[in-house]
Amino acid sequence: MADSDPITKKDLQELKDSLTELVRDVETSMLTAFHGYAKGQAGRMAALEVGDAAVKQRLDALELRVLSLETRRPH
């Protein structure tokens, strides 16, 4: 098709099909990238939650020890 030729319905349909395929490819690439990012973030969050649980456990133990010292009767 030359630049001066009129555009036909077939040309428009081919253009539409080509653009539809391009958009789907871009969408797939973006979703794949987002999935990889989210997977990494989920791993980081899990590690933070484990660390947070360990800190809470240690803090609970310290609070119990302080409470024990505060409520102990003098001899």
C-alpha atoms as a PDB file:
ATOM      1  CA  MET A   1       0.000   0.000   0.000  1.00  0.00           C
ATOM      2  CA  ALA A   2       1.461   3.361  -1.057  1.00  0.00           C
ATOM      3  CA  ASP A   3       0.998   6.521   0.997  1.00  0.00           C
ATOM      4  CA  SER A   4      -1.392   7.959  -1.585  1.00  0.00           C
ATOM      5  CA  ASP A   5      -3.632   4.864  -1.739  1.00  0.00           C
ATOM      6  CA  PRO A   6      -6.933   5.099   0.154  1.00  0.00           C
ATOM      7  CA  ILE A   7      -7.267   3.094   3.342  1.00  0.00           C
ATOM      8  CA  THR A   8      -9.599   0.149   3.064  1.00  0.00           C
ATOM      9  CA  LYS A   9     -11.602  -1.634   5.732  1.00  0.00           C
ATOM     10  CA  LYS A  10      -9.161  -4.530   5.395  1.00  0.00           C
ATOM     11  CA  ASP A  11      -6.237  -2.176   6.094  1.00  0.00           C
ATOM     12  CA  LEU A  12      -8.014  -0.820   9.163  1.00  0.00           C
ATOM     13  CA  GLN A  13      -8.777  -4.335  10.413  1.00  0.00           C
ATOM     14  CA  GLU A  14      -5.118  -5.359   9.949  1.00  0.00           C
ATOM     15  CA  LEU A  15      -4.005  -2.262  11.825  1.00  0.00           C
ATOM     16  CA  LYS A  16      -6.496  -2.968  14.606  1.00  0.00           C
ATOM     17  CA  ASP A  17      -5.349  -6.590  14.857  1.00  0.00           C
ATOM     18  CA  SER A  18      -1.714  -5.520  14.930  1.00  0.00           C
ATOM     19  CA  LEU A  19      -2.362  -2.943  17.660  1.00  0.00           C
ATOM     20  CA  THR A  20      -4.425  -5.421  19.674  1.00  0.00           C
ATOM     21  CA  GLU A  21      -1.558  -7.911  19.582  1.00  0.00           C
ATOM     22  CA  LEU A  22       0.941  -5.216  20.577  1.00  0.00           C
ATOM     23  CA  VAL A  23      -1.213  -4.126  23.529  1.00  0.00           C
ATOM     24  CA  ARG A  24      -1.582  -7.729  24.698  1.00  0.00           C
ATOM     25  CA  ASP A  25       2.175  -8.273  24.478  1.00  0.00           C
ATOM     26  CA  VAL A  26       2.833  -5.115  26.499  1.00  0.00           C
ATOM     27  CA  GLU A  27       0.185  -6.121  29.039  1.00  0.00           C
ATOM     28  CA  THR A  28       1.757  -9.575  29.405  1.00  0.00           C
ATOM     29  CA  SER A  29       5.211  -8.059  29.868  1.00  0.00           C
ATOM     30  CA  MET A  30       3.949  -5.647  32.506  1.00  0.00           C
ATOM     31  CA  LEU A  31       2.021  -8.306  34.415  1.00  0.00           C
ATOM     32  CA  THR A  32       5.063 -10.581  34.371  1.00  0.00           C
ATOM     33  CA  ALA A  33       7.252  -7.774  35.724  1.00  0.00           C
ATOM     34  CA  PHE A  34       4.725  -6.860  38.432  1.00  0.00           C
ATOM     35  CA  HIS A  35       4.395 -10.498  39.437  1.00  0.00           C
ATOM     36  CA  GLY A  36       8.151 -10.824  39.858  1.00  0.00           C
ATOM     37  CA  TYR A  37       8.268  -7.632  41.909  1.00  0.00           C
ATOM     38  CA  ALA A  38       5.354  -8.710  44.106  1.00  0.00           C
ATOM     39  CA  LYS A  39       6.918 -12.117  44.673  1.00  0.00           C
ATOM     40  CA  GLY A  40      10.130 -10.478  45.892  1.00  0.00           C
ATOM     41  CA  GLN A  41       8.216  -8.106  48.133  1.00  0.00           C
ATOM     42  CA  ALA A  42       6.255 -10.994  49.641  1.00  0.00           C
ATOM     43  CA  GLY A  43       9.531 -12.697  50.526  1.00  0.00           C
ATOM     44  CA  ARG A  44      10.858  -9.537  52.150  1.00  0.00           C
ATOM     45  CA  MET A  45       7.632  -9.102  54.131  1.00  0.00           C
ATOM     46  CA  ALA A  46       7.774 -12.692  55.337  1.00  0.00           C
ATOM     47  CA  ALA A  47      11.350 -12.169  56.527  1.00  0.00           C
ATOM     48  CA  LEU A  48      10.347  -8.973  58.330  1.00  0.00           C
ATOM     49  CA  GLU A  49       7.428 -10.707  60.006  1.00  0.00           C
ATOM     50  CA  VAL A  50       9.683 -13.508  61.244  1.00  0.00           C
ATOM     51  CA  GLY A  51      12.147 -10.947  62.586  1.00  0.00           C
ATOM     52  CA  ASP A  52       9.327  -8.962  64.152  1.00  0.00           C
ATOM     53  CA  ALA A  53       7.972 -12.081  65.865  1.00  0.00           C
ATOM     54  CA  ALA A  54      11.418 -12.817  67.312  1.00  0.00           C
ATOM     55  CA  VAL A  55      11.724  -9.274  68.662  1.00  0.00           C
ATOM     56  CA  LYS A  56       8.243  -9.475  70.199  1.00  0.00           C
ATOM     57  CA  GLN A  57       9.112 -12.781  71.848  1.00  0.00           C
ATOM     58  CA  ARG A  58      12.278 -11.318  73.355  1.00  0.00           C
ATOM     59  CA  LEU A  59      10.410  -8.214  74.512  1.00  0.00           C
ATOM     60  CA  ASP A  60       7.748 -10.368  76.179  1.00  0.00           C
ATOM     61  CA  ALA A  61      10.453 -12.287  78.029  1.00  0.00           C
ATOM     62  CA  LEU A  62      12.050  -9.042  79.210  1.00  0.00           C
ATOM     63  CA  GLU A  63       8.703  -7.646  80.329  1.00  0.00           C
ATOM     64  CA  LEU A  64       8.058 -10.787  82.384  1.00  0.00           C
ATOM     65  CA  ARG A  65      11.482 -10.505  84.005  1.00  0.00           C
ATOM     66  CA  VAL A  66      10.948  -6.817  84.847  1.00  0.00           C
ATOM     67  CA  LEU A  67       7.473  -7.563  86.208  1.00  0.00           C
ATOM     68  CA  SER A  68       8.938 -10.314  88.330  1.00  0.00           C
ATOM     69  CA  LEU A  69      11.562  -7.943  89.719  1.00  0.00           C
ATOM     70  CA  GLU A  70       9.007  -5.203  90.360  1.00  0.00           C
ATOM     71  CA  THR A  71       6.544  -7.455  92.182  1.00  0.00           C
ATOM     72  CA  ARG A  72       9.099  -9.422  94.182  1.00  0.00           C
ATOM     73  CA  ARG A  73       8.830  -8.868  97.898  1.00  0.00           C
ATOM     74  CA  PRO A  74      11.949  -7.707  99.696  1.00  0.00           C
ATOM     75  CA  HIS A  75      13.483 -10.296 102.022  1.00  0.00           C
END
